[in-house]
Amino acid sequence: MALQESPFPNCLVAGLHAVGWAFILPCFWSLDHLVAVCKSTTLEREQRLEKECYLHPLKVFFGFILFLILFLVTAPLALLGFMLWAPLQAFRRPFRYHRETPSSPETETHRGFELVGKAAFGFATANLCLLPDSLARFNNLAHTQHRATTIGQRIVHGVCRPHIRIFVDSPSSCGTLSPSGSIFPTGNSSTYGATDRQAQETVNPHSDSNEGQAPIPKSNSNVVSVPCDDTEEPSSESPSPLLNSNQNHNQQERAGHRSAPRALLSQGLRQQDDVPWEVSALFPANLDILCLEEVFDKRAAKKLTQALSPMFGHILYDVGVYACQPPCRCSSFKFFNSGLFLASRFPVLEAQYHCFPNSRGEDALAAKGLLSTKLLIGQNKNQKNVVGYMNCTHLHAPEGEGEIRCEQLNMVTKWIGDFQAANRDPDEEVVFDVLCGDFNFDNCSPDDTLEQNHCLFKEYRDPCRAGPGKEKPWVIGTLLEQPTMYEDDINTSENLQRTLESEEVRKHYISPPVPAEGLPLVYPEPGQPWIGRRIDYILFRENSISRQCRTEIEEVTFITQLAGLTDHIPVGLRLNVMMDSDLADE
């Protein structure tokens, strides 16, 4: 059964909720601007110095007075709206579901298993810091509404580009280059800037009514093969017209998995420890599922949904609970939702949200938790439904409170198990089980030792992890130092890409490990690379998928396309899933 789009059981409750929020919004808007006018980002301060603008104190003074008056005038109306809005939260389902009507049923399914028993799936996660503008400024970010639109447009521009794969066969090496690292130009890559210093964007950011509505080119995959004498010839079969864009790539790779060519490693895709990886200036082409964190602002979530919906037909947003949760407990009042946001090409069959009950301090103001979903991928050769499980979370943030995060990891493990047990159908084939999000701890800080040894990592595989407290040598941290976000080395996607690829340069911009209390930090160890804090994870589990399925990592990606728009570096993962036809027939 398809999910209901509205979070409310009927139109009456939805209407009353809309009226209550309409009364609250003017007061909320005034308070947001009241704080924002007093807090500048480093970019705004630099721009004022360059323009020699000395009127800013007057702007702050009169702006503060104006917004204070508006706040006081609208406060009584907001109180009335709050008395109507708060009780209705007990009737609200903890997410909104947006569904685009597909142009054809085939666009919502993956035909790989039905035709060849093999498919590839692309996942990505990113923390966007889409808080109300006043709060985002404390993270050195501003203009939340514009950032939401721009982020959505950039993701779409990266995802919808042609998926070019290059097979290079030579006597010394054979392999595949990913699109962003290929010898072909990606086109318009220099236009993906984030600050006023950069090139003008290819999209029009000034019209809210048309945001995200530009024509979206249809994704496709192109394969360029360069054969050699001692390797297999690429398949000459023409892909079936029923195949979607992912499957063109799948059929071309039937000859087997190939590693990255040594002669072209410097072009982009690299391979170490049997894991192909790259630093990409664009989001991976043919991305299937996107999980986002800190999409707290409701208006920003709608703009992001509008921008992403042409490429992702199924979106869960405004995930979480508000007001007193559970009801009648004023000590756990939630001002913000969970900030979780899931965009998928595949239909959502089931979805469930859980709120962490042990949040503390400022984190307790938001309904952080876990979003679990079951997605319909398509059908296999035996006409059985093929499904996948996607889980997204955002853990407790403050440093030095690992016990709280470990408790939340315990809850995550239990909630995922309960969700899958309740929604698993023995006649279905499960092809992936992925957990991603902002875990707010890394695998190199002595302060995070407790979380690094959690049993979750025995269940789920982390492609970037060599062991507790030890990263693989090619890994790159994902948390940027906020004061440096607009410096020339990292203020564009291309500059950030070059910076991350240089160990000596990136250490100035990636957050360093957190030392244990009372102990000096020695990092890195002799002979080890400098990595920095990686707090954004994509994990996958193999013991919970169907026994006839085999999984291999096609690529791990560190993405720089959102440079200047967030203080996190998005992470991508592409999995190949092969189905053993003999076992599938049993």
Protein backbone atom coordinates (compact mmCIF):
# COMPACT_ATOMS: atom_id res chain seq x y z
CA MET A 1 0.00 0.00 0.00
CA ALA A 2 1.38 3.43 -0.95
CA LEU A 3 2.17 5.87 1.81
CA GLN A 4 -0.25 8.70 2.47
CA GLU A 5 1.24 12.06 1.45
CA SER A 6 -0.29 14.19 4.20
CA PRO A 7 1.03 13.72 7.75
CA PHE A 8 -2.49 14.23 9.14
CA PRO A 9 -5.38 11.76 9.23
CA ASN A 10 -7.92 14.08 7.57
CA CYS A 11 -8.35 17.49 5.97
CA LEU A 12 -9.88 19.08 9.07
CA VAL A 13 -6.85 18.41 11.26
CA ALA A 14 -4.52 19.46 8.45
CA GLY A 15 -6.44 22.71 8.00
CA LEU A 16 -6.40 23.56 11.71
CA HIS A 17 -2.67 22.84 11.82
CA ALA A 18 -2.08 25.15 8.84
CA VAL A 19 -4.05 27.95 10.56
CA GLY A 20 -2.09 27.52 13.79
CA TRP A 21 1.24 27.63 11.97
CA ALA A 22 0.13 30.68 9.94
CA PHE A 23 -0.39 32.53 13.23
CA ILE A 24 3.05 31.47 14.51
CA LEU A 25 5.06 32.14 11.34
CA PRO A 26 5.18 36.00 11.44
CA CYS A 27 6.53 35.97 14.99
CA PHE A 28 9.01 33.21 14.15
CA TRP A 29 10.15 35.10 11.03
CA SER A 30 10.67 38.31 13.02
CA LEU A 31 12.68 36.57 15.73
CA ASP A 32 14.81 34.80 13.12
CA HIS A 33 15.67 38.09 11.40
CA LEU A 34 16.16 39.84 14.75
CA VAL A 35 19.04 37.51 15.57
CA ALA A 36 20.34 37.19 11.99
CA VAL A 37 20.81 40.95 11.54
CA CYS A 38 23.26 40.95 14.46
CA LYS A 39 25.33 37.94 13.34
CA SER A 40 27.54 38.09 10.25
CA THR A 41 29.44 35.32 8.52
CA THR A 42 33.15 35.65 7.73
CA LEU A 43 32.25 36.04 4.03
CA GLU A 44 29.95 38.98 4.76
CA ARG A 45 32.61 40.65 6.90
CA GLU A 46 35.20 40.23 4.14
CA GLN A 47 32.82 41.66 1.55
CA ARG A 48 32.17 44.72 3.71
CA LEU A 49 35.89 45.31 4.07
CA GLU A 50 36.42 45.00 0.32
CA LYS A 51 33.61 47.46 -0.40
CA GLU A 52 34.70 49.76 2.46
CA CYS A 53 31.15 49.79 3.78
CA TYR A 54 30.85 51.77 7.03
CA LEU A 55 27.04 51.81 7.29
CA HIS A 56 26.73 48.32 8.71
CA PRO A 57 26.38 49.46 12.38
CA LEU A 58 23.41 51.63 11.36
CA LYS A 59 21.89 48.73 9.46
CA VAL A 60 22.24 46.51 12.52
CA PHE A 61 20.76 49.16 14.86
CA PHE A 62 17.71 50.02 12.79
CA GLY A 63 17.19 46.44 11.68
CA PHE A 64 17.22 45.28 15.29
CA ILE A 65 14.65 47.91 16.27
CA LEU A 66 12.40 47.06 13.32
CA PHE A 67 12.41 43.31 13.87
CA LEU A 68 12.01 43.74 17.64
CA ILE A 69 8.85 45.79 17.07
CA LEU A 70 7.51 43.20 14.62
CA PHE A 71 8.28 40.44 17.10
CA LEU A 72 6.43 42.18 19.93
CA VAL A 73 3.43 42.99 17.69
CA THR A 74 3.08 39.42 16.40
CA ALA A 75 3.79 37.65 19.71
CA PRO A 76 0.14 37.61 20.94
CA LEU A 77 -1.01 36.14 17.63
CA ALA A 78 1.76 33.54 17.84
CA LEU A 79 0.64 32.56 21.34
CA LEU A 80 -2.88 31.99 20.06
CA GLY A 81 -1.55 29.94 17.15
CA PHE A 82 0.66 27.92 19.49
CA MET A 83 -2.34 26.94 21.62
CA LEU A 84 -3.96 25.56 18.47
CA TRP A 85 -0.79 24.10 16.90
CA ALA A 86 0.76 22.23 19.83
CA PRO A 87 -2.13 19.84 20.70
CA LEU A 88 -2.47 18.83 17.03
CA GLN A 89 1.03 17.33 17.07
CA ALA A 90 -0.42 14.29 18.83
CA PHE A 91 -2.32 13.49 15.59
CA ARG A 92 0.58 14.14 13.24
CA ARG A 93 2.42 11.31 11.49
CA PRO A 94 6.17 12.00 11.83
CA PHE A 95 6.94 12.73 8.16
CA ARG A 96 5.59 14.16 4.92
CA TYR A 97 5.70 12.09 1.74
CA HIS A 98 6.09 13.74 -1.66
CA ARG A 99 5.53 11.62 -4.74
CA GLU A 100 5.98 12.69 -8.34
CA THR A 101 3.75 10.97 -10.88
CA PRO A 102 6.12 8.85 -13.02
CA SER A 103 6.17 9.23 -16.77
CA SER A 104 6.06 5.41 -17.03
CA PRO A 105 6.11 2.54 -14.51
CA GLU A 106 9.57 1.47 -15.72
CA THR A 107 11.16 4.68 -14.45
CA GLU A 108 10.40 3.69 -10.85
CA THR A 109 11.88 0.20 -10.99
CA HIS A 110 15.28 -1.35 -11.51
CA ARG A 111 15.23 -3.89 -14.34
CA GLY A 112 18.66 -5.38 -13.68
CA PHE A 113 17.59 -8.38 -11.65
CA GLU A 114 14.72 -9.17 -13.98
CA LEU A 115 17.02 -9.27 -17.01
CA VAL A 116 20.56 -10.14 -15.95
CA GLY A 117 20.49 -10.87 -12.20
CA LYS A 118 22.85 -7.98 -11.45
CA ALA A 119 22.42 -4.30 -10.57
CA ALA A 120 24.29 -1.34 -9.13
CA PHE A 121 22.90 1.08 -6.54
CA GLY A 122 24.19 4.55 -5.71
CA PHE A 123 23.82 6.11 -2.24
CA ALA A 124 24.90 9.49 -0.86
CA THR A 125 24.60 11.31 2.46
CA ALA A 126 25.23 14.94 3.42
CA ASN A 127 24.67 17.26 6.36
CA LEU A 128 23.32 20.54 4.94
CA CYS A 129 22.97 22.73 8.05
CA LEU A 130 19.61 24.08 6.81
CA LEU A 131 18.70 25.62 10.14
CA PRO A 132 16.74 28.88 10.44
CA ASP A 133 19.03 31.61 9.13
CA SER A 134 19.79 33.04 12.57
CA LEU A 135 21.03 29.68 13.89
CA ALA A 136 22.86 28.73 10.69
CA ARG A 137 24.95 31.86 11.07
CA PHE A 138 26.49 30.45 14.24
CA ASN A 139 27.90 27.76 11.93
CA ASN A 140 29.23 30.50 9.58
CA LEU A 141 26.46 29.85 7.03
CA ALA A 142 23.69 32.20 5.92
CA HIS A 143 20.73 32.63 3.55
CA THR A 144 19.14 29.27 4.33
CA GLN A 145 16.36 29.56 1.74
CA HIS A 146 18.73 30.42 -1.11
CA ARG A 147 21.17 27.71 -0.02
CA ALA A 148 18.39 25.11 -0.06
CA THR A 149 17.45 25.96 -3.64
CA THR A 150 21.07 26.10 -4.80
CA ILE A 151 21.95 22.81 -3.12
CA GLY A 152 19.01 21.07 -4.80
CA GLN A 153 19.92 22.45 -8.20
CA ARG A 154 23.55 21.44 -7.89
CA ILE A 155 22.71 17.93 -6.81
CA VAL A 156 20.40 17.56 -9.80
CA HIS A 157 23.05 18.91 -12.17
CA GLY A 158 25.51 16.34 -10.85
CA VAL A 159 23.13 13.40 -10.79
CA CYS A 160 21.52 13.89 -14.20
CA ARG A 161 24.74 14.19 -16.22
CA PRO A 162 25.67 11.30 -18.55
CA HIS A 163 27.29 8.41 -16.73
CA ILE A 164 30.44 7.86 -18.80
CA ARG A 165 32.53 4.83 -17.96
CA ILE A 166 35.88 4.13 -19.62
CA PHE A 167 37.32 0.64 -19.90
CA VAL A 168 41.07 0.77 -20.51
CA ASP A 169 42.65 -2.53 -21.49
CA SER A 170 46.41 -2.70 -21.78
CA PRO A 171 49.12 -5.30 -21.13
CA SER A 172 49.90 -3.66 -17.77
CA SER A 173 46.52 -2.65 -16.41
CA CYS A 174 42.81 -2.82 -17.10
CA GLY A 175 40.12 -0.86 -15.38
CA THR A 176 37.36 1.68 -15.22
CA LEU A 177 37.36 5.39 -14.71
CA SER A 178 34.45 7.03 -12.99
CA PRO A 179 32.73 9.97 -14.67
CA SER A 180 34.23 12.73 -12.56
CA GLY A 181 37.71 11.37 -12.99
CA SER A 182 37.56 10.54 -16.67
CA ILE A 183 39.64 12.12 -19.38
CA PHE A 184 36.48 13.64 -20.83
CA PRO A 185 35.47 17.09 -19.59
CA THR A 186 32.45 17.09 -17.30
CA GLY A 187 31.10 20.32 -18.73
CA ASN A 188 30.15 23.44 -16.78
CA SER A 189 32.13 22.23 -13.78
CA SER A 190 33.67 25.65 -13.28
CA THR A 191 30.23 27.16 -12.71
CA TYR A 192 29.59 25.30 -9.48
CA GLY A 193 30.60 28.06 -7.10
CA ALA A 194 29.27 29.07 -3.72
CA THR A 195 30.38 32.65 -3.14
CA ASP A 196 30.22 35.95 -4.94
CA ARG A 197 33.80 35.56 -6.11
CA GLN A 198 32.92 32.62 -8.30
CA ALA A 199 31.49 32.29 -11.76
CA GLN A 200 27.81 32.95 -12.27
CA GLU A 201 25.63 29.88 -11.87
CA THR A 202 23.95 28.25 -14.83
CA VAL A 203 20.59 28.37 -13.07
CA ASN A 204 18.57 31.42 -12.14
CA PRO A 205 18.59 31.77 -8.34
CA HIS A 206 16.33 34.81 -8.19
CA SER A 207 12.92 33.33 -8.91
CA ASP A 208 11.38 31.21 -6.16
CA SER A 209 8.43 30.32 -8.33
CA ASN A 210 10.64 28.60 -10.90
CA GLU A 211 13.21 27.07 -8.58
CA GLY A 212 14.20 23.62 -9.63
CA GLN A 213 11.90 23.72 -12.64
CA ALA A 214 14.53 23.91 -15.36
CA PRO A 215 14.36 21.05 -17.87
CA ILE A 216 16.24 18.07 -16.55
CA PRO A 217 18.14 16.05 -19.12
CA LYS A 218 17.48 12.36 -18.93
CA SER A 219 20.28 10.39 -17.29
CA ASN A 220 22.14 7.96 -19.45
CA SER A 221 25.25 5.86 -19.40
CA ASN A 222 27.92 5.80 -22.04
CA VAL A 223 30.70 3.26 -22.25
CA VAL A 224 33.99 3.81 -24.04
CA SER A 225 36.13 0.68 -24.43
CA VAL A 226 39.79 0.52 -25.34
CA PRO A 227 40.59 -3.18 -25.81
CA CYS A 228 43.98 -4.89 -25.62
CA ASP A 229 45.23 -8.24 -26.75
CA ASP A 230 45.37 -9.97 -23.38
CA THR A 231 41.96 -9.02 -22.03
CA GLU A 232 38.38 -9.96 -22.75
CA GLU A 233 36.55 -8.03 -25.37
CA PRO A 234 33.70 -5.90 -24.05
CA SER A 235 30.26 -7.29 -24.70
CA SER A 236 28.91 -6.22 -28.06
CA GLU A 237 25.30 -6.80 -27.07
CA SER A 238 23.07 -3.81 -27.37
CA PRO A 239 21.30 -2.94 -24.14
CA SER A 240 17.60 -3.67 -24.06
CA PRO A 241 15.38 -0.62 -24.46
CA LEU A 242 13.70 -1.65 -21.22
CA LEU A 243 16.88 -1.12 -19.28
CA ASN A 244 17.07 2.03 -17.18
CA SER A 245 20.21 4.15 -17.03
CA ASN A 246 21.82 2.03 -14.33
CA GLN A 247 21.42 -1.16 -16.32
CA ASN A 248 23.38 0.02 -19.35
CA HIS A 249 26.32 0.04 -17.00
CA ASN A 250 25.39 -3.33 -15.47
CA GLN A 251 25.25 -5.21 -18.76
CA GLN A 252 28.53 -3.73 -19.92
CA GLU A 253 30.22 -5.13 -16.80
CA ARG A 254 29.09 -8.74 -17.21
CA ALA A 255 32.65 -9.73 -18.11
CA GLY A 256 33.61 -9.25 -14.47
CA HIS A 257 34.90 -6.71 -11.98
CA ARG A 258 37.96 -4.73 -13.01
CA SER A 259 40.21 -2.59 -10.88
CA ALA A 260 41.30 0.95 -11.62
CA PRO A 261 44.05 1.22 -14.25
CA ARG A 262 47.40 2.20 -12.79
CA ALA A 263 48.20 4.44 -15.74
CA LEU A 264 45.12 6.56 -15.06
CA LEU A 265 44.92 6.62 -11.28
CA SER A 266 45.91 10.27 -11.20
CA GLN A 267 42.85 11.10 -13.34
CA GLY A 268 40.35 10.43 -10.54
CA LEU A 269 39.41 6.89 -9.54
CA ARG A 270 41.92 5.19 -7.28
CA GLN A 271 41.96 1.80 -5.63
CA GLN A 272 43.50 0.74 -2.34
CA ASP A 273 42.60 -2.13 -0.05
CA ASP A 274 40.24 -3.43 -2.77
CA VAL A 275 38.09 -0.29 -2.43
CA PRO A 276 37.90 2.04 -5.48
CA TRP A 277 37.56 5.64 -4.29
CA GLU A 278 37.78 9.19 -5.53
CA VAL A 279 37.36 12.84 -4.64
CA SER A 280 34.68 14.08 -7.03
CA ALA A 281 33.69 17.65 -7.91
CA LEU A 282 30.16 16.39 -8.73
CA PHE A 283 27.59 14.13 -7.15
CA PRO A 284 27.74 10.62 -8.66
CA ALA A 285 25.74 10.17 -11.84
CA ASN A 286 22.67 7.94 -11.54
CA LEU A 287 22.41 8.37 -7.79
CA ASP A 288 19.50 6.27 -6.53
CA ILE A 289 19.01 7.28 -2.89
CA LEU A 290 20.02 10.50 -1.13
CA CYS A 291 19.91 10.88 2.67
CA LEU A 292 20.32 14.36 4.15
CA GLU A 293 20.66 15.66 7.70
CA GLU A 294 19.93 19.01 9.36
CA VAL A 295 17.13 19.96 6.98
CA PHE A 296 15.38 21.57 9.93
CA ASP A 297 13.77 24.57 8.27
CA LYS A 298 10.34 23.75 6.82
CA ARG A 299 10.46 26.27 3.99
CA ALA A 300 13.96 25.13 3.04
CA ALA A 301 12.77 21.50 3.03
CA LYS A 302 9.98 22.38 0.58
CA LYS A 303 12.38 24.21 -1.73
CA LEU A 304 14.80 21.31 -1.60
CA THR A 305 11.94 18.93 -2.39
CA GLN A 306 10.86 21.08 -5.33
CA ALA A 307 14.39 21.12 -6.74
CA LEU A 308 15.06 17.38 -6.28
CA SER A 309 11.69 15.97 -7.29
CA PRO A 310 12.40 15.86 -11.06
CA MET A 311 15.16 13.32 -10.36
CA PHE A 312 13.89 11.68 -7.16
CA GLY A 313 10.20 10.83 -7.38
CA HIS A 314 9.80 9.78 -3.74
CA ILE A 315 10.81 12.14 -0.93
CA LEU A 316 10.28 11.95 2.84
CA TYR A 317 10.79 15.30 4.57
CA ASP A 318 9.72 17.22 7.69
CA VAL A 319 10.65 14.01 9.52
CA GLY A 320 10.23 14.05 13.29
CA VAL A 321 7.96 15.17 16.09
CA TYR A 322 7.19 18.55 17.65
CA ALA A 323 5.97 19.93 20.97
CA CYS A 324 5.80 17.62 24.00
CA GLN A 325 6.92 14.12 23.11
CA PRO A 326 5.49 11.95 24.44
CA PRO A 327 2.44 14.17 25.14
CA CYS A 328 2.06 15.75 28.58
CA ARG A 329 5.82 15.73 29.26
CA CYS A 330 6.95 19.36 29.14
CA SER A 331 10.57 18.41 29.86
CA SER A 332 10.97 17.00 26.34
CA PHE A 333 9.52 19.82 24.22
CA LYS A 334 10.78 19.69 20.62
CA PHE A 335 11.16 22.98 18.78
CA PHE A 336 12.66 21.37 15.65
CA ASN A 337 12.07 18.13 13.78
CA SER A 338 14.81 15.52 13.25
CA GLY A 339 16.26 17.27 10.19
CA LEU A 340 16.30 13.96 8.30
CA PHE A 341 15.40 14.01 4.60
CA LEU A 342 15.30 11.04 2.22
CA ALA A 343 15.02 11.28 -1.56
CA SER A 344 14.67 8.07 -3.58
CA ARG A 345 14.12 7.04 -7.18
CA PHE A 346 12.26 3.97 -5.89
CA PRO A 347 8.80 3.86 -4.27
CA VAL A 348 8.68 3.80 -0.47
CA LEU A 349 6.67 0.79 0.70
CA GLU A 350 7.04 1.33 4.45
CA ALA A 351 8.55 4.03 6.63
CA GLN A 352 9.05 4.36 10.37
CA TYR A 353 10.59 7.05 12.55
CA HIS A 354 11.87 6.81 16.13
CA CYS A 355 12.95 9.75 18.30
CA PHE A 356 15.94 9.39 20.62
CA PRO A 357 14.69 9.77 24.21
CA ASN A 358 18.12 10.48 25.75
CA SER A 359 19.10 13.76 24.07
CA ARG A 360 20.64 16.40 26.30
CA GLY A 361 21.28 20.13 26.21
CA GLU A 362 20.72 21.98 22.93
CA ASP A 363 20.36 18.67 21.08
CA ALA A 364 17.21 17.95 23.09
CA LEU A 365 15.47 20.86 21.31
CA ALA A 366 15.49 18.84 18.07
CA ALA A 367 13.77 15.48 17.54
CA LYS A 368 16.88 13.63 16.36
CA GLY A 369 16.28 9.96 15.71
CA LEU A 370 16.19 7.20 13.11
CA LEU A 371 14.25 7.00 9.84
CA SER A 372 13.87 3.46 8.47
CA THR A 373 12.39 2.76 5.05
CA LYS A 374 11.62 -0.22 2.85
CA LEU A 375 11.93 0.51 -0.89
CA LEU A 376 10.50 -1.37 -3.88
CA ILE A 377 13.37 -1.88 -6.34
CA GLY A 378 11.62 -4.04 -8.94
CA GLN A 379 11.33 -7.75 -9.71
CA ASN A 380 13.79 -10.58 -10.26
CA LYS A 381 13.73 -13.25 -12.97
CA ASN A 382 11.17 -15.25 -10.98
CA GLN A 383 8.82 -12.24 -10.78
CA LYS A 384 9.43 -11.88 -7.03
CA ASN A 385 9.55 -8.37 -5.61
CA VAL A 386 13.05 -7.03 -5.00
CA VAL A 387 13.31 -4.63 -2.06
CA GLY A 388 15.97 -2.73 -0.14
CA TYR A 389 16.20 -1.23 3.34
CA MET A 390 17.50 2.31 3.79
CA ASN A 391 18.11 3.81 7.24
CA CYS A 392 19.16 7.38 8.05
CA THR A 393 20.10 8.87 11.43
CA HIS A 394 21.72 11.86 13.15
CA LEU A 395 23.33 11.20 16.52
CA HIS A 396 24.02 13.40 19.55
CA ALA A 397 26.46 16.21 18.70
CA PRO A 398 28.41 17.56 21.72
CA GLU A 399 31.95 16.28 22.16
CA GLY A 400 32.85 14.28 25.23
CA GLU A 401 29.42 12.63 25.54
CA GLY A 402 30.14 9.26 23.95
CA GLU A 403 27.91 7.40 26.41
CA ILE A 404 24.84 9.12 24.95
CA ARG A 405 25.87 8.27 21.39
CA CYS A 406 26.51 4.64 22.35
CA GLU A 407 23.03 4.41 23.85
CA GLN A 408 21.62 5.84 20.64
CA LEU A 409 23.59 3.31 18.57
CA ASN A 410 22.02 0.57 20.71
CA MET A 411 18.60 1.99 19.90
CA VAL A 412 19.42 2.25 16.20
CA THR A 413 20.44 -1.41 16.08
CA LYS A 414 17.26 -2.52 17.86
CA TRP A 415 14.89 -0.28 15.89
CA ILE A 416 16.30 -1.40 12.54
CA GLY A 417 15.95 -5.05 13.58
CA ASP A 418 12.37 -4.53 14.75
CA PHE A 419 11.42 -2.65 11.56
CA GLN A 420 12.81 -5.31 9.26
CA ALA A 421 11.27 -8.15 11.28
CA ALA A 422 7.85 -6.48 11.11
CA ASN A 423 7.99 -5.66 7.40
CA ARG A 424 9.89 -8.56 5.88
CA ASP A 425 8.01 -10.75 3.43
CA PRO A 426 9.42 -14.26 2.81
CA ASP A 427 8.44 -13.98 -0.87
CA GLU A 428 10.62 -10.88 -1.36
CA GLU A 429 14.31 -10.65 -2.19
CA VAL A 430 16.31 -8.15 -0.11
CA VAL A 431 19.27 -6.76 -2.06
CA PHE A 432 20.68 -4.08 0.24
CA ASP A 433 20.53 -2.94 3.86
CA VAL A 434 22.20 0.47 4.26
CA LEU A 435 22.63 2.76 7.27
CA CYS A 436 23.93 6.30 6.80
CA GLY A 437 23.98 9.70 8.43
CA ASP A 438 25.89 12.10 10.63
CA PHE A 439 27.16 10.03 13.56
CA ASN A 440 28.99 12.97 15.20
CA PHE A 441 31.99 10.83 16.09
CA ASP A 442 34.98 9.78 14.03
CA ASN A 443 37.32 6.83 13.82
CA CYS A 444 40.53 8.64 14.73
CA SER A 445 39.81 10.80 17.81
CA PRO A 446 40.90 9.40 21.20
CA ASP A 447 37.79 11.12 22.62
CA ASP A 448 35.56 8.83 20.53
CA THR A 449 37.07 5.50 21.56
CA LEU A 450 33.83 4.28 23.13
CA GLU A 451 31.80 4.75 19.95
CA GLN A 452 34.56 3.37 17.73
CA ASN A 453 34.29 0.01 19.50
CA HIS A 454 30.50 -0.26 19.35
CA CYS A 455 29.09 -3.59 18.22
CA LEU A 456 27.19 -1.85 15.38
CA PHE A 457 30.39 -2.09 13.33
CA LYS A 458 30.32 -5.87 13.65
CA GLU A 459 26.91 -5.88 11.98
CA TYR A 460 27.43 -3.14 9.39
CA ARG A 461 30.50 -2.77 7.21
CA ASP A 462 32.24 0.59 6.97
CA PRO A 463 34.26 0.72 3.70
CA CYS A 464 36.53 3.44 5.12
CA ARG A 465 37.39 1.70 8.37
CA ALA A 466 40.47 -0.47 8.93
CA GLY A 467 39.54 -1.17 12.55
CA PRO A 468 38.48 0.58 15.78
CA GLY A 469 40.31 3.90 15.88
CA LYS A 470 42.11 3.30 12.58
CA GLU A 471 41.06 4.60 9.19
CA LYS A 472 42.23 3.27 5.84
CA PRO A 473 45.09 5.39 4.50
CA TRP A 474 43.09 6.87 1.61
CA VAL A 475 40.21 8.14 3.76
CA ILE A 476 39.45 11.88 3.97
CA GLY A 477 37.73 13.66 6.84
CA THR A 478 34.25 15.10 6.23
CA LEU A 479 33.98 17.93 8.78
CA LEU A 480 35.31 21.32 7.66
CA GLU A 481 36.67 23.98 9.98
CA GLN A 482 33.87 26.56 9.91
CA PRO A 483 36.00 29.78 10.09
CA THR A 484 37.90 28.81 6.93
CA MET A 485 34.95 27.79 4.73
CA TYR A 486 35.20 30.78 2.36
CA GLU A 487 38.96 30.80 1.82
CA ASP A 488 40.18 30.46 -1.74
CA ASP A 489 41.48 26.91 -1.30
CA ILE A 490 38.00 25.52 -0.57
CA ASN A 491 35.40 28.05 -1.75
CA THR A 492 34.65 26.24 -5.04
CA SER A 493 34.09 22.58 -5.79
CA GLU A 494 37.25 22.38 -7.91
CA ASN A 495 39.41 24.14 -5.32
CA LEU A 496 38.05 21.96 -2.53
CA GLN A 497 38.69 18.87 -4.65
CA ARG A 498 42.34 19.84 -5.14
CA THR A 499 42.71 20.67 -1.46
CA LEU A 500 41.30 17.35 -0.27
CA GLU A 501 43.61 15.44 -2.58
CA SER A 502 46.66 17.08 -0.93
CA GLU A 503 47.37 15.80 2.56
CA GLU A 504 49.59 18.77 3.35
CA VAL A 505 46.96 21.34 2.37
CA ARG A 506 43.77 19.71 3.65
CA LYS A 507 44.98 19.56 7.25
CA HIS A 508 44.41 23.34 7.41
CA TYR A 509 40.71 22.99 6.55
CA ILE A 510 39.51 19.63 7.90
CA SER A 511 38.69 19.45 11.61
CA PRO A 512 41.45 17.64 13.52
CA PRO A 513 40.83 14.72 15.91
CA VAL A 514 39.58 15.46 19.42
CA PRO A 515 42.03 14.47 22.20
CA ALA A 516 40.94 12.51 25.23
CA GLU A 517 40.36 14.67 28.29
CA GLY A 518 43.58 15.39 30.12
CA LEU A 519 45.84 13.68 27.58
CA PRO A 520 47.97 15.31 24.84
CA LEU A 521 47.09 14.48 21.25
CA VAL A 522 49.73 12.76 19.15
CA TYR A 523 48.42 12.65 15.58
CA PRO A 524 49.09 11.19 13.16
CA GLU A 525 51.25 8.30 14.24
CA PRO A 526 54.65 8.07 12.54
CA GLY A 527 54.29 6.93 8.95
CA GLN A 528 50.52 7.40 8.91
CA PRO A 529 48.65 9.98 6.78
CA TRP A 530 46.78 12.96 8.21
CA ILE A 531 43.05 12.24 7.73
CA GLY A 532 40.94 14.36 10.08
CA ARG A 533 37.43 13.85 11.44
CA ARG A 534 35.12 11.69 9.33
CA ILE A 535 31.74 11.88 11.01
CA ASP A 536 29.51 11.19 7.97
CA TYR A 537 29.06 7.47 7.30
CA ILE A 538 27.52 5.11 4.78
CA LEU A 539 27.47 1.53 6.12
CA PHE A 540 25.99 -1.61 4.59
CA ARG A 541 25.10 -5.02 5.99
CA GLU A 542 25.37 -8.31 4.12
CA ASN A 543 24.03 -10.88 6.60
CA SER A 544 20.50 -9.40 6.41
CA ILE A 545 20.07 -9.52 2.63
CA SER A 546 18.87 -12.55 0.70
CA ARG A 547 21.33 -15.43 0.81
CA GLN A 548 21.60 -15.68 -2.99
CA CYS A 549 22.84 -12.06 -3.23
CA ARG A 550 26.49 -11.05 -3.24
CA THR A 551 27.64 -7.47 -2.67
CA GLU A 552 30.80 -5.70 -3.75
CA ILE A 553 31.87 -2.09 -3.47
CA GLU A 554 32.10 -0.35 -6.82
CA GLU A 555 33.18 3.05 -5.52
CA VAL A 556 33.43 5.32 -2.46
CA THR A 557 33.22 9.03 -3.23
CA PHE A 558 34.04 12.19 -1.30
CA ILE A 559 32.00 14.95 -2.98
CA THR A 560 32.99 18.63 -3.14
CA GLN A 561 30.05 20.01 -5.17
CA LEU A 562 28.51 21.76 -2.14
CA ALA A 563 31.62 23.80 -1.32
CA GLY A 564 30.64 26.99 0.50
CA LEU A 565 27.08 25.77 1.08
CA THR A 566 27.64 23.46 4.07
CA ASP A 567 30.35 22.67 6.60
CA HIS A 568 30.31 18.94 5.77
CA ILE A 569 31.70 16.99 2.82
CA PRO A 570 29.06 14.65 1.30
CA VAL A 571 29.95 10.98 0.95
CA GLY A 572 28.83 8.56 -1.76
CA LEU A 573 28.83 4.78 -2.05
CA ARG A 574 28.02 2.61 -5.06
CA LEU A 575 27.29 -1.09 -4.50
CA ASN A 576 27.15 -3.88 -7.05
CA VAL A 577 24.68 -6.62 -6.15
CA MET A 578 24.82 -9.96 -7.97
CA MET A 579 22.13 -12.61 -7.60
CA ASP A 580 23.10 -16.29 -7.86
CA SER A 581 20.50 -17.71 -10.26
CA ASP A 582 20.90 -21.26 -8.96
CA LEU A 583 20.14 -20.26 -5.38
CA ALA A 584 17.38 -17.91 -6.49
CA ASP A 585 15.53 -20.83 -8.07
CA GLU A 586 15.39 -22.75 -4.79
